[in-house]
């Protein structure tokens, strides 16, 4: 499978919904995502059973419901770093700010020299053109809003595609 380093899968709030995770992983692999970003609330370490099928690495932050942090850290070691947010990382010449909670998105966006801000927590998609580009993919789990969504970011155009997993 050929990976497209300019295609990034973005997911949040999976809340142990293994069926939704499997659909998201299949989508990201089919699109050739070069990276997947998870903005928190995986919940249980066993969700790595589904994320392990990703063809690319991940960047992750803990969410407010991720109580078993040591277990999640150990489970995801082979896929990528998982840490408390907010956290910065660079990918393909772009600087990302990744967090779960939404309380400081606007303030951090205003003072940060980042290209993309990714967050979750609200379970509601939020895509705002930048700079910086702000992306909340909504909830992949679908438990709260009965809608399972993820996003794809295309770095060459900085366009975001919101995808319904249903």
N, C-alpha and C. Protein backbone atom coordinates (compact mmCIF):
# COMPACT_ATOMS: atom_id res chain seq x y z
N UNK A 1 0.84 -1.18 0.00
CA UNK A 1 0.00 0.00 0.00
C UNK A 1 0.89 1.25 0.00
N UNK A 2 0.62 2.15 -0.90
CA UNK A 2 1.38 3.40 -1.01
C UNK A 2 0.78 4.44 -0.06
N UNK A 3 1.61 4.99 0.82
CA UNK A 3 1.15 6.02 1.73
C UNK A 3 1.35 7.39 1.11
N UNK A 4 0.39 8.26 1.34
CA UNK A 4 0.45 9.65 0.89
C UNK A 4 0.75 10.51 2.10
N UNK A 5 1.98 10.96 2.23
CA UNK A 5 2.38 11.73 3.41
C UNK A 5 1.64 13.06 3.50
N UNK A 6 0.97 13.46 2.44
CA UNK A 6 0.21 14.71 2.47
C UNK A 6 -1.25 14.51 2.84
N UNK A 7 -1.62 13.27 3.14
CA UNK A 7 -2.99 12.95 3.58
C UNK A 7 -2.93 12.52 5.04
N UNK A 8 -3.67 13.23 5.89
CA UNK A 8 -3.68 12.94 7.32
C UNK A 8 -5.09 12.59 7.75
N UNK A 9 -5.25 11.44 8.40
CA UNK A 9 -6.52 11.08 9.00
C UNK A 9 -6.62 11.68 10.39
N UNK A 10 -7.78 12.21 10.72
CA UNK A 10 -7.99 12.84 12.03
C UNK A 10 -9.24 12.23 12.66
N UNK A 11 -9.08 11.79 13.90
CA UNK A 11 -10.15 11.08 14.60
C UNK A 11 -10.13 11.50 16.07
N UNK A 12 -11.29 11.44 16.71
CA UNK A 12 -11.39 11.76 18.14
C UNK A 12 -12.58 11.03 18.73
N UNK A 13 -12.57 10.92 20.03
CA UNK A 13 -13.73 10.44 20.77
C UNK A 13 -14.28 9.12 20.21
N UNK A 14 -13.39 8.13 20.12
CA UNK A 14 -13.80 6.81 19.64
C UNK A 14 -14.56 6.03 20.72
N UNK A 15 -14.28 6.29 21.98
CA UNK A 15 -15.02 5.73 23.11
C UNK A 15 -15.30 4.23 22.96
N UNK A 16 -14.26 3.48 22.62
CA UNK A 16 -14.34 2.01 22.55
C UNK A 16 -15.30 1.47 21.50
N UNK A 17 -15.74 2.27 20.56
CA UNK A 17 -16.64 1.77 19.52
C UNK A 17 -15.79 1.08 18.46
N UNK A 18 -15.58 -0.21 18.65
CA UNK A 18 -14.66 -0.95 17.77
C UNK A 18 -15.15 -0.98 16.33
N UNK A 19 -16.44 -1.05 16.10
CA UNK A 19 -16.95 -1.03 14.73
C UNK A 19 -16.62 0.27 14.02
N UNK A 20 -16.77 1.39 14.73
CA UNK A 20 -16.44 2.70 14.15
C UNK A 20 -14.93 2.82 13.92
N UNK A 21 -14.14 2.32 14.86
CA UNK A 21 -12.68 2.36 14.69
C UNK A 21 -12.29 1.55 13.46
N UNK A 22 -12.87 0.39 13.29
CA UNK A 22 -12.55 -0.45 12.12
C UNK A 22 -12.91 0.26 10.82
N UNK A 23 -14.06 0.95 10.79
CA UNK A 23 -14.45 1.70 9.59
C UNK A 23 -13.47 2.84 9.32
N UNK A 24 -13.07 3.54 10.38
CA UNK A 24 -12.13 4.65 10.22
C UNK A 24 -10.78 4.15 9.72
N UNK A 25 -10.29 3.06 10.31
CA UNK A 25 -9.00 2.49 9.89
C UNK A 25 -9.07 2.07 8.42
N UNK A 26 -10.16 1.45 8.02
CA UNK A 26 -10.33 1.04 6.62
C UNK A 26 -10.31 2.26 5.70
N UNK A 27 -10.99 3.33 6.09
CA UNK A 27 -11.01 4.56 5.30
C UNK A 27 -9.61 5.16 5.20
N UNK A 28 -8.93 5.30 6.33
CA UNK A 28 -7.59 5.91 6.32
C UNK A 28 -6.62 5.08 5.47
N UNK A 29 -6.71 3.76 5.58
CA UNK A 29 -5.84 2.90 4.76
C UNK A 29 -6.20 3.02 3.28
N UNK A 30 -7.48 3.06 2.96
CA UNK A 30 -7.91 3.16 1.56
C UNK A 30 -7.45 4.48 0.93
N UNK A 31 -7.43 5.55 1.73
CA UNK A 31 -6.99 6.85 1.23
C UNK A 31 -5.48 7.01 1.28
N UNK A 32 -4.79 6.05 1.87
CA UNK A 32 -3.33 6.08 1.92
C UNK A 32 -2.78 7.09 2.90
N UNK A 33 -3.51 7.35 3.98
CA UNK A 33 -3.07 8.34 4.97
C UNK A 33 -1.64 8.04 5.43
N UNK A 34 -0.81 9.08 5.45
CA UNK A 34 0.56 8.94 5.91
C UNK A 34 0.71 9.09 7.40
N UNK A 35 -0.34 9.63 8.05
CA UNK A 35 -0.36 9.84 9.49
C UNK A 35 -1.81 9.86 9.92
N UNK A 36 -2.08 9.36 11.13
CA UNK A 36 -3.40 9.51 11.75
C UNK A 36 -3.21 10.20 13.09
N UNK A 37 -4.01 11.22 13.32
CA UNK A 37 -4.00 11.97 14.57
C UNK A 37 -5.25 11.60 15.35
N UNK A 38 -5.08 11.23 16.63
CA UNK A 38 -6.22 10.94 17.50
C UNK A 38 -6.24 11.99 18.61
N UNK A 39 -7.35 12.73 18.69
CA UNK A 39 -7.46 13.83 19.65
C UNK A 39 -8.10 13.40 20.97
N UNK A 40 -7.92 12.16 21.35
CA UNK A 40 -8.27 11.73 22.70
C UNK A 40 -9.61 11.04 22.86
N UNK A 41 -9.74 10.39 24.00
CA UNK A 41 -10.87 9.56 24.40
C UNK A 41 -10.94 8.28 23.57
N UNK A 42 -9.83 7.54 23.60
CA UNK A 42 -9.82 6.18 23.06
C UNK A 42 -10.59 5.30 24.04
N UNK A 43 -10.33 5.45 25.31
CA UNK A 43 -10.89 4.84 26.50
C UNK A 43 -10.08 3.62 26.95
N UNK A 44 -10.19 2.48 26.28
CA UNK A 44 -9.55 1.25 26.76
C UNK A 44 -8.38 0.84 25.88
N UNK A 45 -7.34 0.29 26.50
CA UNK A 45 -6.19 -0.16 25.72
C UNK A 45 -6.53 -1.19 24.64
N UNK A 46 -7.62 -1.95 24.79
CA UNK A 46 -7.92 -2.97 23.79
C UNK A 46 -8.26 -2.38 22.42
N UNK A 47 -8.53 -1.08 22.33
CA UNK A 47 -8.82 -0.50 21.01
C UNK A 47 -7.60 -0.54 20.09
N UNK A 48 -6.42 -0.81 20.65
CA UNK A 48 -5.23 -0.97 19.79
C UNK A 48 -5.42 -2.18 18.86
N UNK A 49 -6.25 -3.12 19.25
CA UNK A 49 -6.50 -4.28 18.39
C UNK A 49 -7.00 -3.85 17.02
N UNK A 50 -7.74 -2.75 16.97
CA UNK A 50 -8.25 -2.24 15.70
C UNK A 50 -7.31 -1.22 15.07
N UNK A 51 -6.73 -0.35 15.89
CA UNK A 51 -5.80 0.65 15.35
C UNK A 51 -4.51 0.00 14.83
N UNK A 52 -4.18 -1.19 15.30
CA UNK A 52 -2.97 -1.87 14.84
C UNK A 52 -3.00 -2.13 13.33
N UNK A 53 -4.19 -2.16 12.74
CA UNK A 53 -4.31 -2.41 11.30
C UNK A 53 -3.99 -1.18 10.46
N UNK A 54 -3.77 -0.04 11.10
CA UNK A 54 -3.38 1.17 10.35
C UNK A 54 -2.03 0.94 9.67
N UNK A 55 -1.92 1.39 8.45
CA UNK A 55 -0.67 1.24 7.70
C UNK A 55 0.32 2.35 8.02
N UNK A 56 -0.07 3.32 8.82
CA UNK A 56 0.77 4.49 9.09
C UNK A 56 0.92 4.70 10.59
N UNK A 57 1.85 5.57 10.99
CA UNK A 57 2.00 5.91 12.40
C UNK A 57 0.88 6.85 12.87
N UNK A 58 0.85 7.05 14.19
CA UNK A 58 -0.15 7.93 14.80
C UNK A 58 0.52 8.95 15.70
N UNK A 59 -0.20 10.04 15.94
CA UNK A 59 0.09 11.01 17.00
C UNK A 59 -1.18 11.07 17.84
N UNK A 60 -1.04 10.96 19.17
CA UNK A 60 -2.22 10.88 20.03
C UNK A 60 -2.06 11.73 21.28
N UNK A 61 -3.20 12.18 21.81
CA UNK A 61 -3.24 12.78 23.14
C UNK A 61 -4.31 12.07 23.96
N UNK A 62 -4.14 12.12 25.27
CA UNK A 62 -5.15 11.58 26.16
C UNK A 62 -6.36 12.52 26.19
N UNK A 63 -7.53 11.93 26.38
CA UNK A 63 -8.75 12.70 26.60
C UNK A 63 -9.17 12.62 28.06
N UNK A 64 -10.20 13.35 28.41
CA UNK A 64 -10.65 13.39 29.80
C UNK A 64 -11.22 12.05 30.28
N UNK A 65 -11.62 11.18 29.38
CA UNK A 65 -12.15 9.87 29.78
C UNK A 65 -11.13 8.74 29.68
N UNK A 66 -9.92 9.06 29.30
CA UNK A 66 -8.87 8.04 29.19
C UNK A 66 -8.24 7.80 30.56
N UNK A 67 -8.89 6.96 31.37
CA UNK A 67 -8.43 6.74 32.73
C UNK A 67 -7.25 5.79 32.84
N UNK A 68 -7.16 4.83 31.97
CA UNK A 68 -6.10 3.83 32.05
C UNK A 68 -4.91 4.26 31.19
N UNK A 69 -4.28 5.35 31.62
CA UNK A 69 -3.25 5.97 30.80
C UNK A 69 -2.01 5.11 30.63
N UNK A 70 -1.59 4.42 31.65
CA UNK A 70 -0.42 3.56 31.52
C UNK A 70 -0.71 2.44 30.52
N UNK A 71 -1.88 1.85 30.62
CA UNK A 71 -2.26 0.80 29.69
C UNK A 71 -2.35 1.30 28.26
N UNK A 72 -2.92 2.50 28.06
CA UNK A 72 -2.99 3.08 26.72
C UNK A 72 -1.59 3.39 26.19
N UNK A 73 -0.76 3.96 27.05
CA UNK A 73 0.62 4.28 26.64
C UNK A 73 1.34 3.00 26.17
N UNK A 74 1.23 1.96 26.96
CA UNK A 74 1.90 0.70 26.61
C UNK A 74 1.32 0.09 25.33
N UNK A 75 0.00 0.14 25.19
CA UNK A 75 -0.65 -0.46 24.02
C UNK A 75 -0.28 0.25 22.73
N UNK A 76 -0.15 1.57 22.78
CA UNK A 76 0.07 2.34 21.56
C UNK A 76 1.54 2.60 21.24
N UNK A 77 2.46 2.05 22.02
CA UNK A 77 3.89 2.29 21.78
C UNK A 77 4.32 1.99 20.36
N UNK A 78 3.74 0.99 19.74
CA UNK A 78 4.16 0.63 18.39
C UNK A 78 3.55 1.52 17.32
N UNK A 79 2.49 2.28 17.65
CA UNK A 79 1.83 3.13 16.66
C UNK A 79 2.32 4.57 16.71
N UNK A 80 2.65 5.05 17.91
CA UNK A 80 3.11 6.43 18.01
C UNK A 80 2.96 6.96 19.42
N UNK A 81 3.50 8.15 19.65
CA UNK A 81 3.48 8.71 21.00
C UNK A 81 2.08 9.14 21.43
N UNK A 82 1.74 8.82 22.68
CA UNK A 82 0.50 9.31 23.29
C UNK A 82 0.89 10.04 24.57
N UNK A 83 0.44 11.28 24.68
CA UNK A 83 0.82 12.14 25.81
C UNK A 83 -0.38 12.99 26.21
N UNK A 84 -0.23 13.68 27.31
CA UNK A 84 -1.22 14.68 27.69
C UNK A 84 -1.10 15.87 26.77
N UNK A 85 -2.20 16.50 26.48
CA UNK A 85 -2.18 17.70 25.65
C UNK A 85 -2.32 18.94 26.51
N UNK A 86 -2.16 20.09 25.94
CA UNK A 86 -1.81 20.29 24.54
C UNK A 86 -0.34 19.96 24.27
N UNK A 87 -0.11 19.51 23.05
CA UNK A 87 1.26 19.18 22.66
C UNK A 87 1.49 19.60 21.22
N UNK A 88 2.74 19.92 20.96
CA UNK A 88 3.17 20.34 19.63
C UNK A 88 3.92 19.22 18.95
N UNK A 89 3.76 19.11 17.63
CA UNK A 89 4.61 18.23 16.84
C UNK A 89 4.67 18.78 15.42
N UNK A 90 5.72 18.40 14.72
CA UNK A 90 5.92 18.81 13.33
C UNK A 90 5.76 17.61 12.42
N UNK A 91 5.15 17.86 11.26
CA UNK A 91 4.96 16.81 10.27
C UNK A 91 4.94 17.45 8.89
N UNK A 92 5.80 16.97 8.01
CA UNK A 92 5.86 17.44 6.62
C UNK A 92 5.91 18.97 6.51
N UNK A 93 6.73 19.58 7.36
CA UNK A 93 6.93 21.02 7.30
C UNK A 93 5.82 21.85 7.92
N UNK A 94 4.88 21.21 8.58
CA UNK A 94 3.77 21.92 9.24
C UNK A 94 3.87 21.68 10.75
N UNK A 95 3.50 22.70 11.50
CA UNK A 95 3.47 22.58 12.96
C UNK A 95 2.03 22.38 13.41
N UNK A 96 1.84 21.35 14.24
CA UNK A 96 0.52 20.99 14.75
C UNK A 96 0.45 21.22 16.25
N UNK A 97 -0.71 21.68 16.71
CA UNK A 97 -1.04 21.75 18.13
C UNK A 97 -2.19 20.78 18.34
N UNK A 98 -1.97 19.78 19.18
CA UNK A 98 -2.94 18.72 19.40
C UNK A 98 -3.39 18.73 20.85
N UNK A 99 -4.71 18.71 21.06
CA UNK A 99 -5.27 18.71 22.41
C UNK A 99 -6.62 17.99 22.38
N UNK A 100 -7.13 17.68 23.54
CA UNK A 100 -8.46 17.08 23.59
C UNK A 100 -9.52 18.13 23.91
N UNK A 101 -9.41 18.76 25.06
CA UNK A 101 -10.42 19.71 25.49
C UNK A 101 -10.43 20.95 24.61
N UNK A 102 -11.58 21.60 24.58
CA UNK A 102 -11.77 22.75 23.70
C UNK A 102 -11.65 24.09 24.40
N UNK A 103 -11.45 24.11 25.71
CA UNK A 103 -11.51 25.34 26.48
C UNK A 103 -10.54 26.43 26.06
N UNK A 104 -9.40 26.07 25.52
CA UNK A 104 -8.40 27.08 25.18
C UNK A 104 -8.03 27.08 23.70
N UNK A 105 -8.88 26.50 22.86
CA UNK A 105 -8.56 26.42 21.43
C UNK A 105 -8.34 27.80 20.83
N UNK A 106 -9.28 28.71 21.06
CA UNK A 106 -9.16 30.04 20.45
C UNK A 106 -7.96 30.80 20.99
N UNK A 107 -7.74 30.75 22.30
CA UNK A 107 -6.62 31.48 22.90
C UNK A 107 -5.29 30.94 22.42
N UNK A 108 -5.13 29.62 22.42
CA UNK A 108 -3.87 29.03 21.97
C UNK A 108 -3.66 29.27 20.48
N UNK A 109 -4.73 29.25 19.71
CA UNK A 109 -4.61 29.50 18.28
C UNK A 109 -4.13 30.91 18.00
N UNK A 110 -4.57 31.85 18.83
CA UNK A 110 -4.23 33.25 18.62
C UNK A 110 -2.77 33.55 18.94
N UNK A 111 -2.19 32.83 19.89
CA UNK A 111 -0.83 33.14 20.32
C UNK A 111 0.20 32.14 19.83
N UNK A 112 -0.24 31.06 19.23
CA UNK A 112 0.70 30.02 18.80
C UNK A 112 1.11 30.23 17.35
N UNK A 113 2.33 29.86 17.07
CA UNK A 113 2.80 29.88 15.69
C UNK A 113 2.68 28.47 15.14
N UNK A 114 1.43 28.05 14.95
CA UNK A 114 1.15 26.72 14.43
C UNK A 114 0.36 26.85 13.14
N UNK A 115 0.41 25.80 12.35
CA UNK A 115 -0.35 25.76 11.11
C UNK A 115 -1.72 25.12 11.29
N UNK A 116 -1.79 24.13 12.19
CA UNK A 116 -3.02 23.36 12.37
C UNK A 116 -3.25 23.11 13.85
N UNK A 117 -4.48 23.34 14.31
CA UNK A 117 -4.90 23.00 15.67
C UNK A 117 -5.93 21.89 15.54
N UNK A 118 -5.70 20.78 16.25
CA UNK A 118 -6.63 19.65 16.25
C UNK A 118 -7.09 19.43 17.68
N UNK A 119 -8.42 19.31 17.84
CA UNK A 119 -8.97 19.03 19.16
C UNK A 119 -10.20 18.13 19.03
N UNK A 120 -10.72 17.67 20.16
CA UNK A 120 -11.89 16.81 20.18
C UNK A 120 -12.85 17.28 21.27
N UNK A 121 -13.34 16.35 22.08
CA UNK A 121 -14.09 16.58 23.30
C UNK A 121 -15.55 17.00 23.10
N UNK A 122 -15.85 17.87 22.17
CA UNK A 122 -17.22 18.39 22.03
C UNK A 122 -18.14 17.42 21.30
N UNK A 123 -17.58 16.48 20.57
CA UNK A 123 -18.33 15.51 19.77
C UNK A 123 -19.04 16.17 18.59
N UNK A 124 -18.68 17.40 18.29
CA UNK A 124 -19.29 18.16 17.19
C UNK A 124 -18.19 18.58 16.23
N UNK A 125 -18.34 18.28 14.94
CA UNK A 125 -17.32 18.72 13.97
C UNK A 125 -17.19 20.24 13.96
N UNK A 126 -15.95 20.69 13.83
CA UNK A 126 -15.65 22.13 13.77
C UNK A 126 -14.45 22.29 12.86
N UNK A 127 -14.67 22.91 11.71
CA UNK A 127 -13.58 23.13 10.77
C UNK A 127 -13.56 24.62 10.44
N UNK A 128 -12.45 25.28 10.82
CA UNK A 128 -12.32 26.71 10.59
C UNK A 128 -11.04 26.97 9.81
N UNK A 129 -11.17 27.65 8.66
CA UNK A 129 -9.97 27.96 7.88
C UNK A 129 -9.05 28.88 8.66
N UNK A 130 -7.79 28.77 8.40
CA UNK A 130 -6.80 29.52 9.16
C UNK A 130 -6.35 30.77 8.48
N UNK A 131 -5.23 31.23 8.90
CA UNK A 131 -4.36 30.49 9.82
C UNK A 131 -4.70 30.79 11.29
N UNK A 132 -4.48 29.85 12.17
CA UNK A 132 -4.24 28.45 11.87
C UNK A 132 -5.54 27.74 11.50
N UNK A 133 -5.42 26.67 10.78
CA UNK A 133 -6.55 25.81 10.46
C UNK A 133 -6.94 25.08 11.74
N UNK A 134 -8.22 25.12 12.10
CA UNK A 134 -8.72 24.46 13.31
C UNK A 134 -9.62 23.31 12.89
N UNK A 135 -9.34 22.13 13.44
CA UNK A 135 -10.10 20.93 13.07
C UNK A 135 -10.53 20.16 14.31
N UNK A 136 -11.84 19.96 14.44
CA UNK A 136 -12.39 18.97 15.34
C UNK A 136 -13.16 18.01 14.45
N UNK A 137 -12.77 16.74 14.39
CA UNK A 137 -13.43 15.81 13.47
C UNK A 137 -14.79 15.33 13.94
N UNK A 138 -15.25 15.80 15.09
CA UNK A 138 -16.48 15.26 15.67
C UNK A 138 -16.18 13.95 16.36
N UNK A 139 -17.22 13.23 16.70
CA UNK A 139 -17.01 11.97 17.41
C UNK A 139 -17.05 10.79 16.46
N UNK A 140 -16.02 9.98 16.52
CA UNK A 140 -16.03 8.75 15.72
C UNK A 140 -16.91 7.70 16.37
N UNK A 141 -16.99 7.71 17.69
CA UNK A 141 -17.75 6.70 18.41
C UNK A 141 -19.24 6.73 18.13
N UNK A 142 -19.79 7.91 17.93
CA UNK A 142 -21.20 8.04 17.61
C UNK A 142 -22.16 7.84 18.76
N UNK A 143 -21.66 7.68 19.97
CA UNK A 143 -22.54 7.39 21.11
C UNK A 143 -23.37 8.60 21.52
N UNK A 144 -22.78 9.79 21.53
CA UNK A 144 -23.46 10.96 22.08
C UNK A 144 -24.35 11.65 21.05
N UNK A 145 -23.86 11.86 19.86
CA UNK A 145 -24.59 12.61 18.83
C UNK A 145 -25.21 11.71 17.76
N UNK A 146 -25.03 10.39 17.89
CA UNK A 146 -25.53 9.42 16.92
C UNK A 146 -25.03 9.70 15.50
N UNK A 147 -23.84 10.25 15.42
CA UNK A 147 -23.19 10.50 14.13
C UNK A 147 -21.71 10.21 14.30
N UNK A 148 -21.17 9.32 13.48
CA UNK A 148 -19.75 8.95 13.55
C UNK A 148 -19.02 9.64 12.41
N UNK A 149 -18.10 10.54 12.76
CA UNK A 149 -17.36 11.28 11.74
C UNK A 149 -15.86 11.27 12.03
N UNK A 150 -15.10 11.39 10.96
CA UNK A 150 -13.66 11.60 11.00
C UNK A 150 -13.34 12.65 9.95
N UNK A 151 -12.10 13.09 9.93
CA UNK A 151 -11.69 14.09 8.94
C UNK A 151 -10.42 13.62 8.23
N UNK A 152 -10.25 14.12 7.03
CA UNK A 152 -9.02 13.95 6.26
C UNK A 152 -8.49 15.33 5.92
N UNK A 153 -7.22 15.56 6.24
CA UNK A 153 -6.56 16.82 5.92
C UNK A 153 -5.57 16.56 4.80
N UNK A 154 -5.66 17.36 3.75
CA UNK A 154 -4.75 17.26 2.61
C UNK A 154 -3.76 18.42 2.71
N UNK A 155 -2.54 18.12 3.10
CA UNK A 155 -1.55 19.17 3.37
C UNK A 155 -1.19 20.00 2.15
N UNK A 156 -1.25 19.42 0.96
CA UNK A 156 -0.85 20.18 -0.23
C UNK A 156 -1.82 21.33 -0.52
N UNK A 157 -3.09 21.19 -0.10
CA UNK A 157 -4.07 22.26 -0.32
C UNK A 157 -4.60 22.85 0.98
N UNK A 158 -4.30 22.20 2.10
CA UNK A 158 -4.84 22.56 3.42
C UNK A 158 -6.37 22.49 3.43
N UNK A 159 -6.92 21.60 2.63
CA UNK A 159 -8.36 21.37 2.61
C UNK A 159 -8.69 20.21 3.54
N UNK A 160 -9.88 20.29 4.14
CA UNK A 160 -10.34 19.26 5.07
C UNK A 160 -11.62 18.63 4.52
N UNK A 161 -11.65 17.32 4.56
CA UNK A 161 -12.84 16.57 4.16
C UNK A 161 -13.41 15.89 5.40
N UNK A 162 -14.66 16.19 5.73
CA UNK A 162 -15.35 15.52 6.83
C UNK A 162 -16.06 14.30 6.26
N UNK A 163 -15.84 13.14 6.86
CA UNK A 163 -16.40 11.90 6.34
C UNK A 163 -17.30 11.27 7.40
N UNK A 164 -18.52 10.95 7.00
CA UNK A 164 -19.46 10.25 7.86
C UNK A 164 -19.20 8.76 7.72
N UNK A 165 -18.98 8.07 8.83
CA UNK A 165 -18.64 6.65 8.80
C UNK A 165 -19.85 5.74 8.68
N UNK A 166 -21.04 6.26 8.78
CA UNK A 166 -22.26 5.43 8.74
C UNK A 166 -22.45 4.76 7.40
